[in-house]
């Protein structure tokens, strides 16, 4: 069985936008940064805010609840690498975005 799960058509996530998708019951924040897709756990480690609803500026997402900012490419909190969110593997096949959960989210 493949680890990757098709979650959404790539065309539904234009560059500079984010969506929240579900992979095997886990909510994941999906981002399109200049045509490249990245995915992280949707839950901000500060207070549980929904990162997929945050403002995306380049490769940085700002949590809509308290403003914590994370690099969607690495999962690290901006200016404080002691906090991070788990990153998922992402690929696009036949116009569909596929995501594989990291072991920490399974």
PDB file of N, CA and C in Angstrom:
ATOM      1  N   UNK A   1       0.833  -1.180   0.000  1.00  0.00           N
ATOM      2  CA  UNK A   1       0.000   0.000   0.000  1.00  0.00           C
ATOM      3  C   UNK A   1       0.877   1.242   0.000  1.00  0.00           C
ATOM      4  N   UNK A   2       0.541   2.216  -0.822  1.00  0.00           N
ATOM      5  CA  UNK A   2       1.299   3.450  -0.907  1.00  0.00           C
ATOM      6  C   UNK A   2       1.053   4.316   0.320  1.00  0.00           C
ATOM      7  N   UNK A   3       2.082   5.020   0.755  1.00  0.00           N
ATOM      8  CA  UNK A   3       1.935   5.976   1.849  1.00  0.00           C
ATOM      9  C   UNK A   3       1.221   7.239   1.394  1.00  0.00           C
ATOM     10  N   UNK A   4       1.235   7.490   0.083  1.00  0.00           N
ATOM     11  CA  UNK A   4       0.664   8.726  -0.441  1.00  0.00           C
ATOM     12  C   UNK A   4      -0.836   8.594  -0.650  1.00  0.00           C
ATOM     13  N   UNK A   5      -1.560   9.668  -0.296  1.00  0.00           N
ATOM     14  CA  UNK A   5      -3.007   9.728  -0.439  1.00  0.00           C
ATOM     15  C   UNK A   5      -3.352  10.953  -1.279  1.00  0.00           C
ATOM     16  N   UNK A   6      -4.171  10.769  -2.320  1.00  0.00           N
ATOM     17  CA  UNK A   6      -4.636  11.898  -3.128  1.00  0.00           C
ATOM     18  C   UNK A   6      -5.611  12.713  -2.294  1.00  0.00           C
ATOM     19  N   UNK A   7      -5.402  14.046  -2.248  1.00  0.00           N
ATOM     20  CA  UNK A   7      -6.224  14.880  -1.375  1.00  0.00           C
ATOM     21  C   UNK A   7      -7.016  15.973  -2.083  1.00  0.00           C
ATOM     22  N   UNK A   8      -6.497  16.491  -3.212  1.00  0.00           N
ATOM     23  CA  UNK A   8      -7.146  17.620  -3.850  1.00  0.00           C
ATOM     24  C   UNK A   8      -6.525  17.832  -5.232  1.00  0.00           C
ATOM     25  N   UNK A   9      -7.311  18.308  -6.193  1.00  0.00           N
ATOM     26  CA  UNK A   9      -6.702  18.668  -7.477  1.00  0.00           C
ATOM     27  C   UNK A   9      -5.721  19.832  -7.288  1.00  0.00           C
ATOM     28  N   UNK A  10      -4.577  19.753  -7.925  1.00  0.00           N
ATOM     29  CA  UNK A  10      -3.571  20.805  -7.811  1.00  0.00           C
ATOM     30  C   UNK A  10      -4.123  22.161  -8.245  1.00  0.00           C
ATOM     31  N   UNK A  11      -4.997  22.171  -9.222  1.00  0.00           N
ATOM     32  CA  UNK A  11      -5.578  23.429  -9.713  1.00  0.00           C
ATOM     33  C   UNK A  11      -6.429  24.126  -8.664  1.00  0.00           C
ATOM     34  N   UNK A  12      -6.865  23.408  -7.639  1.00  0.00           N
ATOM     35  CA  UNK A  12      -7.690  23.998  -6.579  1.00  0.00           C
ATOM     36  C   UNK A  12      -6.868  24.745  -5.529  1.00  0.00           C
ATOM     37  N   UNK A  13      -5.537  24.703  -5.668  1.00  0.00           N
ATOM     38  CA  UNK A  13      -4.659  25.390  -4.718  1.00  0.00           C
ATOM     39  C   UNK A  13      -3.687  26.253  -5.532  1.00  0.00           C
ATOM     40  N   UNK A  14      -4.134  27.439  -5.957  1.00  0.00           N
ATOM     41  CA  UNK A  14      -3.276  28.296  -6.776  1.00  0.00           C
ATOM     42  C   UNK A  14      -2.046  28.782  -5.995  1.00  0.00           C
ATOM     43  N   UNK A  15      -0.990  29.207  -6.698  1.00  0.00           N
ATOM     44  CA  UNK A  15       0.193  29.738  -6.014  1.00  0.00           C
ATOM     45  C   UNK A  15      -0.180  30.854  -5.035  1.00  0.00           C
ATOM     46  N   UNK A  16       0.454  30.805  -3.866  1.00  0.00           N
ATOM     47  CA  UNK A  16       0.222  31.811  -2.839  1.00  0.00           C
ATOM     48  C   UNK A  16      -0.962  31.527  -1.934  1.00  0.00           C
ATOM     49  N   UNK A  17      -1.553  30.335  -2.055  1.00  0.00           N
ATOM     50  CA  UNK A  17      -2.720  30.014  -1.238  1.00  0.00           C
ATOM     51  C   UNK A  17      -2.474  28.775  -0.380  1.00  0.00           C
ATOM     52  N   UNK A  18      -3.411  28.562   0.539  1.00  0.00           N
ATOM     53  CA  UNK A  18      -3.365  27.404   1.436  1.00  0.00           C
ATOM     54  C   UNK A  18      -4.740  26.764   1.485  1.00  0.00           C
ATOM     55  N   UNK A  19      -4.775  25.498   1.814  1.00  0.00           N
ATOM     56  CA  UNK A  19      -6.013  24.752   2.018  1.00  0.00           C
ATOM     57  C   UNK A  19      -5.778  23.793   3.179  1.00  0.00           C
ATOM     58  N   UNK A  20      -6.854  23.459   3.862  1.00  0.00           N
ATOM     59  CA  UNK A  20      -6.788  22.409   4.867  1.00  0.00           C
ATOM     60  C   UNK A  20      -7.404  21.166   4.252  1.00  0.00           C
ATOM     61  N   UNK A  21      -6.661  20.062   4.307  1.00  0.00           N
ATOM     62  CA  UNK A  21      -7.124  18.793   3.749  1.00  0.00           C
ATOM     63  C   UNK A  21      -7.025  17.732   4.840  1.00  0.00           C
ATOM     64  N   UNK A  22      -7.630  16.582   4.580  1.00  0.00           N
ATOM     65  CA  UNK A  22      -7.567  15.492   5.541  1.00  0.00           C
ATOM     66  C   UNK A  22      -6.853  14.294   4.912  1.00  0.00           C
ATOM     67  N   UNK A  23      -5.916  13.745   5.670  1.00  0.00           N
ATOM     68  CA  UNK A  23      -5.173  12.565   5.238  1.00  0.00           C
ATOM     69  C   UNK A  23      -5.305  11.517   6.340  1.00  0.00           C
ATOM     70  N   UNK A  24      -6.020  10.439   6.045  1.00  0.00           N
ATOM     71  CA  UNK A  24      -6.207   9.352   7.011  1.00  0.00           C
ATOM     72  C   UNK A  24      -6.692   9.862   8.377  1.00  0.00           C
ATOM     73  N   UNK A  25      -7.621  10.806   8.336  1.00  0.00           N
ATOM     74  CA  UNK A  25      -8.214  11.331   9.560  1.00  0.00           C
ATOM     75  C   UNK A  25      -7.435  12.455  10.224  1.00  0.00           C
ATOM     76  N   UNK A  26      -6.304  12.863   9.654  1.00  0.00           N
ATOM     77  CA  UNK A  26      -5.470  13.932  10.216  1.00  0.00           C
ATOM     78  C   UNK A  26      -5.623  15.181   9.351  1.00  0.00           C
ATOM     79  N   UNK A  27      -5.866  16.328  10.008  1.00  0.00           N
ATOM     80  CA  UNK A  27      -5.987  17.588   9.261  1.00  0.00           C
ATOM     81  C   UNK A  27      -4.590  18.132   8.959  1.00  0.00           C
ATOM     82  N   UNK A  28      -4.366  18.430   7.676  1.00  0.00           N
ATOM     83  CA  UNK A  28      -3.068  18.876   7.171  1.00  0.00           C
ATOM     84  C   UNK A  28      -3.239  20.221   6.468  1.00  0.00           C
ATOM     85  N   UNK A  29      -2.300  21.124   6.702  1.00  0.00           N
ATOM     86  CA  UNK A  29      -2.277  22.410   6.004  1.00  0.00           C
ATOM     87  C   UNK A  29      -1.432  22.241   4.747  1.00  0.00           C
ATOM     88  N   UNK A  30      -2.030  22.528   3.593  1.00  0.00           N
ATOM     89  CA  UNK A  30      -1.371  22.385   2.293  1.00  0.00           C
ATOM     90  C   UNK A  30      -1.147  23.769   1.704  1.00  0.00           C
ATOM     91  N   UNK A  31       0.060  24.023   1.211  1.00  0.00           N
ATOM     92  CA  UNK A  31       0.438  25.331   0.686  1.00  0.00           C
ATOM     93  C   UNK A  31       1.018  25.203  -0.713  1.00  0.00           C
ATOM     94  N   UNK A  32       0.738  26.196  -1.546  1.00  0.00           N
ATOM     95  CA  UNK A  32       1.358  26.298  -2.864  1.00  0.00           C
ATOM     96  C   UNK A  32       2.241  27.534  -2.836  1.00  0.00           C
ATOM     97  N   UNK A  33       3.557  27.318  -2.832  1.00  0.00           N
ATOM     98  CA  UNK A  33       4.527  28.409  -2.814  1.00  0.00           C
ATOM     99  C   UNK A  33       5.179  28.473  -4.182  1.00  0.00           C
ATOM    100  N   UNK A  34       4.735  29.421  -4.981  1.00  0.00           N
ATOM    101  CA  UNK A  34       5.290  29.618  -6.331  1.00  0.00           C
ATOM    102  C   UNK A  34       5.265  28.337  -7.160  1.00  0.00           C
ATOM    103  N   UNK A  35       4.188  27.570  -7.041  1.00  0.00           N
ATOM    104  CA  UNK A  35       4.034  26.356  -7.846  1.00  0.00           C
ATOM    105  C   UNK A  35       4.560  25.085  -7.216  1.00  0.00           C
ATOM    106  N   UNK A  36       5.190  25.185  -6.058  1.00  0.00           N
ATOM    107  CA  UNK A  36       5.671  24.016  -5.339  1.00  0.00           C
ATOM    108  C   UNK A  36       4.793  23.805  -4.109  1.00  0.00           C
ATOM    109  N   UNK A  37       4.363  22.573  -3.896  1.00  0.00           N
ATOM    110  CA  UNK A  37       3.459  22.260  -2.795  1.00  0.00           C
ATOM    111  C   UNK A  37       4.221  21.791  -1.565  1.00  0.00           C
ATOM    112  N   UNK A  38       3.744  22.263  -0.400  1.00  0.00           N
ATOM    113  CA  UNK A  38       4.288  21.870   0.898  1.00  0.00           C
ATOM    114  C   UNK A  38       3.115  21.562   1.814  1.00  0.00           C
ATOM    115  N   UNK A  39       3.340  20.686   2.789  1.00  0.00           N
ATOM    116  CA  UNK A  39       2.277  20.338   3.720  1.00  0.00           C
ATOM    117  C   UNK A  39       2.868  20.134   5.116  1.00  0.00           C
ATOM    118  N   UNK A  40       2.138  20.657   6.103  1.00  0.00           N
ATOM    119  CA  UNK A  40       2.529  20.517   7.502  1.00  0.00           C
ATOM    120  C   UNK A  40       1.295  20.171   8.323  1.00  0.00           C
ATOM    121  N   UNK A  41       1.522  19.712   9.540  1.00  0.00           N
ATOM    122  CA  UNK A  41       0.418  19.494  10.466  1.00  0.00           C
ATOM    123  C   UNK A  41      -0.379  20.793  10.572  1.00  0.00           C
ATOM    124  N   UNK A  42      -1.682  20.701  10.530  1.00  0.00           N
ATOM    125  CA  UNK A  42      -2.537  21.885  10.555  1.00  0.00           C
ATOM    126  C   UNK A  42      -2.571  22.564  11.921  1.00  0.00           C
ATOM    127  N   UNK A  43      -2.106  21.901  12.968  1.00  0.00           N
ATOM    128  CA  UNK A  43      -2.251  22.397  14.330  1.00  0.00           C
ATOM    129  C   UNK A  43      -1.012  23.151  14.799  1.00  0.00           C
ATOM    130  N   UNK A  44      -1.182  24.435  15.098  1.00  0.00           N
ATOM    131  CA  UNK A  44      -0.092  25.240  15.638  1.00  0.00           C
ATOM    132  C   UNK A  44       0.252  24.725  17.040  1.00  0.00           C
ATOM    133  N   UNK A  45       1.548  24.540  17.362  1.00  0.00           N
ATOM    134  CA  UNK A  45       1.912  24.006  18.672  1.00  0.00           C
ATOM    135  C   UNK A  45       1.682  24.986  19.822  1.00  0.00           C
ATOM    136  N   UNK A  46       1.423  26.247  19.528  1.00  0.00           N
ATOM    137  CA  UNK A  46       1.211  27.230  20.584  1.00  0.00           C
ATOM    138  C   UNK A  46      -0.133  27.034  21.278  1.00  0.00           C
ATOM    139  N   UNK A  47      -1.219  27.114  20.491  1.00  0.00           N
ATOM    140  CA  UNK A  47      -2.557  27.004  21.098  1.00  0.00           C
ATOM    141  C   UNK A  47      -3.525  26.236  20.210  1.00  0.00           C
ATOM    142  N   UNK A  48      -2.995  25.503  19.234  1.00  0.00           N
ATOM    143  CA  UNK A  48      -3.847  24.667  18.400  1.00  0.00           C
ATOM    144  C   UNK A  48      -4.509  25.371  17.238  1.00  0.00           C
ATOM    145  N   UNK A  49      -4.041  26.552  16.885  1.00  0.00           N
ATOM    146  CA  UNK A  49      -4.631  27.300  15.772  1.00  0.00           C
ATOM    147  C   UNK A  49      -4.508  26.555  14.450  1.00  0.00           C
ATOM    148  N   UNK A  50      -5.430  26.827  13.511  1.00  0.00           N
ATOM    149  CA  UNK A  50      -5.450  26.148  12.215  1.00  0.00           C
ATOM    150  C   UNK A  50      -4.508  26.805  11.201  1.00  0.00           C
ATOM    151  N   UNK A  51      -3.336  26.245  11.014  1.00  0.00           N
ATOM    152  CA  UNK A  51      -2.344  26.855  10.126  1.00  0.00           C
ATOM    153  C   UNK A  51      -2.833  26.961   8.687  1.00  0.00           C
ATOM    154  N   UNK A  52      -3.693  26.039   8.252  1.00  0.00           N
ATOM    155  CA  UNK A  52      -4.225  26.083   6.890  1.00  0.00           C
ATOM    156  C   UNK A  52      -5.118  27.285   6.634  1.00  0.00           C
ATOM    157  N   UNK A  53      -5.525  27.970   7.695  1.00  0.00           N
ATOM    158  CA  UNK A  53      -6.322  29.191   7.560  1.00  0.00           C
ATOM    159  C   UNK A  53      -5.474  30.443   7.748  1.00  0.00           C
ATOM    160  N   UNK A  54      -4.167  30.246   7.929  1.00  0.00           N
ATOM    161  CA  UNK A  54      -3.273  31.368   8.168  1.00  0.00           C
ATOM    162  C   UNK A  54      -2.902  32.107   6.899  1.00  0.00           C
ATOM    163  N   UNK A  55      -2.294  33.263   7.091  1.00  0.00           N
ATOM    164  CA  UNK A  55      -1.831  34.083   5.974  1.00  0.00           C
ATOM    165  C   UNK A  55      -0.481  33.552   5.495  1.00  0.00           C
ATOM    166  N   UNK A  56      -0.382  33.288   4.185  1.00  0.00           N
ATOM    167  CA  UNK A  56       0.858  32.787   3.585  1.00  0.00           C
ATOM    168  C   UNK A  56       1.581  33.939   2.915  1.00  0.00           C
ATOM    169  N   UNK A  57       2.831  34.139   3.299  1.00  0.00           N
ATOM    170  CA  UNK A  57       3.665  35.184   2.703  1.00  0.00           C
ATOM    171  C   UNK A  57       4.967  34.528   2.278  1.00  0.00           C
ATOM    172  N   UNK A  58       5.098  34.265   0.970  1.00  0.00           N
ATOM    173  CA  UNK A  58       6.240  33.495   0.496  1.00  0.00           C
ATOM    174  C   UNK A  58       6.134  32.099   1.067  1.00  0.00           C
ATOM    175  N   UNK A  59       7.161  31.643   1.746  1.00  0.00           N
ATOM    176  CA  UNK A  59       7.143  30.320   2.350  1.00  0.00           C
ATOM    177  C   UNK A  59       6.808  30.332   3.835  1.00  0.00           C
ATOM    178  N   UNK A  60       6.302  31.470   4.335  1.00  0.00           N
ATOM    179  CA  UNK A  60       5.994  31.606   5.756  1.00  0.00           C
ATOM    180  C   UNK A  60       4.487  31.710   5.958  1.00  0.00           C
ATOM    181  N   UNK A  61       3.963  30.879   6.866  1.00  0.00           N
ATOM    182  CA  UNK A  61       2.548  30.963   7.220  1.00  0.00           C
ATOM    183  C   UNK A  61       2.447  31.542   8.629  1.00  0.00           C
ATOM    184  N   UNK A  62       1.475  32.427   8.803  1.00  0.00           N
ATOM    185  CA  UNK A  62       1.225  33.028  10.109  1.00  0.00           C
ATOM    186  C   UNK A  62      -0.066  32.445  10.682  1.00  0.00           C
ATOM    187  N   UNK A  63       0.026  31.865  11.865  1.00  0.00           N
ATOM    188  CA  UNK A  63      -1.150  31.286  12.511  1.00  0.00           C
ATOM    189  C   UNK A  63      -2.195  32.383  12.726  1.00  0.00           C
ATOM    190  N   UNK A  64      -3.446  32.124  12.346  1.00  0.00           N
ATOM    191  CA  UNK A  64      -4.475  33.160  12.465  1.00  0.00           C
ATOM    192  C   UNK A  64      -4.883  33.465  13.909  1.00  0.00           C
ATOM    193  N   UNK A  65      -4.514  32.630  14.862  1.00  0.00           N
ATOM    194  CA  UNK A  65      -4.941  32.871  16.239  1.00  0.00           C
ATOM    195  C   UNK A  65      -4.012  33.809  17.002  1.00  0.00           C
ATOM    196  N   UNK A  66      -2.685  33.547  16.970  1.00  0.00           N
ATOM    197  CA  UNK A  66      -1.773  34.350  17.786  1.00  0.00           C
ATOM    198  C   UNK A  66      -0.524  34.815  17.039  1.00  0.00           C
ATOM    199  N   UNK A  67      -0.492  34.591  15.735  1.00  0.00           N
ATOM    200  CA  UNK A  67       0.585  35.148  14.931  1.00  0.00           C
ATOM    201  C   UNK A  67       1.897  34.390  14.902  1.00  0.00           C
ATOM    202  N   UNK A  68       1.950  33.196  15.481  1.00  0.00           N
ATOM    203  CA  UNK A  68       3.182  32.428  15.367  1.00  0.00           C
ATOM    204  C   UNK A  68       3.414  32.126  13.894  1.00  0.00           C
ATOM    205  N   UNK A  69       4.678  32.247  13.452  1.00  0.00           N
ATOM    206  CA  UNK A  69       4.997  32.068  12.029  1.00  0.00           C
ATOM    207  C   UNK A  69       5.927  30.883  11.836  1.00  0.00           C
ATOM    208  N   UNK A  70       5.607  30.097  10.783  1.00  0.00           N
ATOM    209  CA  UNK A  70       6.371  28.885  10.476  1.00  0.00           C
ATOM    210  C   UNK A  70       6.757  28.854   9.008  1.00  0.00           C
ATOM    211  N   UNK A  71       7.946  28.321   8.750  1.00  0.00           N
ATOM    212  CA  UNK A  71       8.385  28.092   7.378  1.00  0.00           C
ATOM    213  C   UNK A  71       7.724  26.796   6.906  1.00  0.00           C
ATOM    214  N   UNK A  72       6.880  26.883   5.901  1.00  0.00           N
ATOM    215  CA  UNK A  72       6.145  25.691   5.448  1.00  0.00           C
ATOM    216  C   UNK A  72       7.062  24.675   4.777  1.00  0.00           C
ATOM    217  N   UNK A  73       8.263  25.085   4.373  1.00  0.00           N
ATOM    218  CA  UNK A  73       9.209  24.171   3.730  1.00  0.00           C
ATOM    219  C   UNK A  73       9.940  23.293   4.732  1.00  0.00           C
ATOM    220  N   UNK A  74      10.124  23.797   5.963  1.00  0.00           N
ATOM    221  CA  UNK A  74      10.885  23.069   6.974  1.00  0.00           C
ATOM    222  C   UNK A  74      10.071  22.741   8.220  1.00  0.00           C
ATOM    223  N   UNK A  75       8.983  23.451   8.436  1.00  0.00           N
ATOM    224  CA  UNK A  75       8.174  23.292   9.635  1.00  0.00           C
ATOM    225  C   UNK A  75       8.670  24.083  10.825  1.00  0.00           C
ATOM    226  N   UNK A  76       9.836  24.745  10.712  1.00  0.00           N
ATOM    227  CA  UNK A  76      10.411  25.463  11.843  1.00  0.00           C
ATOM    228  C   UNK A  76       9.730  26.800  12.077  1.00  0.00           C
ATOM    229  N   UNK A  77       9.603  27.138  13.350  1.00  0.00           N
ATOM    230  CA  UNK A  77       9.063  28.441  13.717  1.00  0.00           C
ATOM    231  C   UNK A  77      10.093  29.500  13.360  1.00  0.00           C
ATOM    232  N   UNK A  78       9.612  30.555  12.740  1.00  0.00           N
ATOM    233  CA  UNK A  78      10.502  31.654  12.363  1.00  0.00           C
ATOM    234  C   UNK A  78      11.122  32.273  13.616  1.00  0.00           C
ATOM    235  N   UNK A  79      12.423  32.447  13.623  1.00  0.00           N
ATOM    236  CA  UNK A  79      13.203  33.053  14.705  1.00  0.00           C
ATOM    237  C   UNK A  79      13.257  32.213  15.979  1.00  0.00           C
ATOM    238  N   UNK A  80      12.728  30.975  15.957  1.00  0.00           N
ATOM    239  CA  UNK A  80      12.809  30.125  17.134  1.00  0.00           C
ATOM    240  C   UNK A  80      12.694  28.660  16.709  1.00  0.00           C
ATOM    241  N   UNK A  81      13.804  28.044  16.329  1.00  0.00           N
ATOM    242  CA  UNK A  81      13.761  26.662  15.845  1.00  0.00           C
ATOM    243  C   UNK A  81      13.445  25.627  16.926  1.00  0.00           C
ATOM    244  N   UNK A  82      13.246  26.064  18.176  1.00  0.00           N
ATOM    245  CA  UNK A  82      12.868  25.126  19.229  1.00  0.00           C
ATOM    246  C   UNK A  82      11.425  24.655  19.090  1.00  0.00           C
ATOM    247  N   UNK A  83      10.651  25.328  18.239  1.00  0.00           N
ATOM    248  CA  UNK A  83       9.273  24.942  17.971  1.00  0.00           C
ATOM    249  C   UNK A  83       9.144  24.638  16.487  1.00  0.00           C
ATOM    250  N   UNK A  84       8.424  23.577  16.176  1.00  0.00           N
ATOM    251  CA  UNK A  84       8.183  23.264  14.777  1.00  0.00           C
ATOM    252  C   UNK A  84       6.883  22.492  14.639  1.00  0.00           C
ATOM    253  N   UNK A  85       6.476  22.327  13.396  1.00  0.00           N
ATOM    254  CA  UNK A  85       5.324  21.494  13.076  1.00  0.00           C
ATOM    255  C   UNK A  85       5.814  20.405  12.129  1.00  0.00           C
ATOM    256  N   UNK A  86       5.280  19.193  12.270  1.00  0.00           N
ATOM    257  CA  UNK A  86       5.717  18.104  11.388  1.00  0.00           C
ATOM    258  C   UNK A  86       5.397  18.390   9.922  1.00  0.00           C
ATOM    259  N   UNK A  87       6.346  18.089   9.054  1.00  0.00           N
ATOM    260  CA  UNK A  87       6.184  18.253   7.603  1.00  0.00           C
ATOM    261  C   UNK A  87       5.794  16.917   6.978  1.00  0.00           C
ATOM    262  N   UNK A  88       5.023  17.000   5.921  1.00  0.00           N
ATOM    263  CA  UNK A  88       4.595  15.823   5.166  1.00  0.00           C
ATOM    264  C   UNK A  88       5.306  15.807   3.815  1.00  0.00           C
ATOM    265  N   UNK A  89       5.468  14.628   3.261  1.00  0.00           N
ATOM    266  CA  UNK A  89       5.967  14.519   1.890  1.00  0.00           C
ATOM    267  C   UNK A  89       4.798  14.811   0.952  1.00  0.00           C
ATOM    268  N   UNK A  90       5.097  15.545  -0.139  1.00  0.00           N
ATOM    269  CA  UNK A  90       4.064  15.947  -1.098  1.00  0.00           C
ATOM    270  C   UNK A  90       4.575  15.693  -2.503  1.00  0.00           C
ATOM    271  N   UNK A  91       3.674  15.237  -3.354  1.00  0.00           N
ATOM    272  CA  UNK A  91       3.987  15.139  -4.779  1.00  0.00           C
ATOM    273  C   UNK A  91       2.704  15.365  -5.561  1.00  0.00           C
ATOM    274  N   UNK A  92       2.876  15.685  -6.839  1.00  0.00           N
ATOM    275  CA  UNK A  92       1.735  15.902  -7.728  1.00  0.00           C
ATOM    276  C   UNK A  92       1.816  14.869  -8.844  1.00  0.00           C
ATOM    277  N   UNK A  93       0.719  14.148  -9.044  1.00  0.00           N
ATOM    278  CA  UNK A  93       0.627  13.151 -10.115  1.00  0.00           C
ATOM    279  C   UNK A  93      -0.716  13.301 -10.806  1.00  0.00           C
ATOM    280  N   UNK A  94      -0.676  13.372 -12.119  1.00  0.00           N
ATOM    281  CA  UNK A  94      -1.900  13.433 -12.924  1.00  0.00           C
ATOM    282  C   UNK A  94      -2.834  14.539 -12.448  1.00  0.00           C
ATOM    283  N   UNK A  95      -2.241  15.674 -12.060  1.00  0.00           N
ATOM    284  CA  UNK A  95      -3.040  16.825 -11.641  1.00  0.00           C
ATOM    285  C   UNK A  95      -3.586  16.751 -10.227  1.00  0.00           C
ATOM    286  N   UNK A  96      -3.234  15.720  -9.474  1.00  0.00           N
ATOM    287  CA  UNK A  96      -3.695  15.557  -8.088  1.00  0.00           C
ATOM    288  C   UNK A  96      -2.527  15.756  -7.117  1.00  0.00           C
ATOM    289  N   UNK A  97      -2.800  16.425  -5.995  1.00  0.00           N
ATOM    290  CA  UNK A  97      -1.814  16.545  -4.927  1.00  0.00           C
ATOM    291  C   UNK A  97      -1.933  15.316  -4.041  1.00  0.00           C
ATOM    292  N   UNK A  98      -0.797  14.666  -3.811  1.00  0.00           N
ATOM    293  CA  UNK A  98      -0.737  13.498  -2.936  1.00  0.00           C
ATOM    294  C   UNK A  98       0.138  13.827  -1.736  1.00  0.00           C
ATOM    295  N   UNK A  99      -0.286  13.364  -0.565  1.00  0.00           N
ATOM    296  CA  UNK A  99       0.437  13.647   0.672  1.00  0.00           C
ATOM    297  C   UNK A  99       0.682  12.336   1.416  1.00  0.00           C
ATOM    298  N   UNK A 100       1.896  12.214   1.984  1.00  0.00           N
ATOM    299  CA  UNK A 100       2.252  11.090   2.868  1.00  0.00           C
ATOM    300  C   UNK A 100       2.518  11.657   4.250  1.00  0.00           C
ATOM    301  N   UNK A 101       1.872  11.079   5.246  1.00  0.00           N
ATOM    302  CA  UNK A 101       2.065  11.541   6.627  1.00  0.00           C
ATOM    303  C   UNK A 101       3.410  11.087   7.177  1.00  0.00           C
ATOM    304  N   UNK A 102       4.059  11.949   7.986  1.00  0.00           N
ATOM    305  CA  UNK A 102       5.275  11.494   8.658  1.00  0.00           C
ATOM    306  C   UNK A 102       4.902  10.560   9.789  1.00  0.00           C
ATOM    307  N   UNK A 103       5.843   9.744  10.274  1.00  0.00           N
ATOM    308  CA  UNK A 103       5.531   8.798  11.357  1.00  0.00           C
ATOM    309  C   UNK A 103       4.957   9.475  12.601  1.00  0.00           C
ATOM    310  N   UNK A 104       5.351  10.722  12.876  1.00  0.00           N
ATOM    311  CA  UNK A 104       4.867  11.411  14.073  1.00  0.00           C
ATOM    312  C   UNK A 104       3.382  11.728  14.019  1.00  0.00           C
ATOM    313  N   UNK A 105       2.771  11.681  12.849  1.00  0.00           N
ATOM    314  CA  UNK A 105       1.338  11.998  12.725  1.00  0.00           C
ATOM    315  C   UNK A 105       0.479  10.769  12.453  1.00  0.00           C
ATOM    316  N   UNK A 106       1.068   9.617  12.315  1.00  0.00           N
ATOM    317  CA  UNK A 106       0.282   8.411  12.004  1.00  0.00           C
ATOM    318  C   UNK A 106      -0.379   7.839  13.229  1.00  0.00           C
TER     319      UNK A 106
END
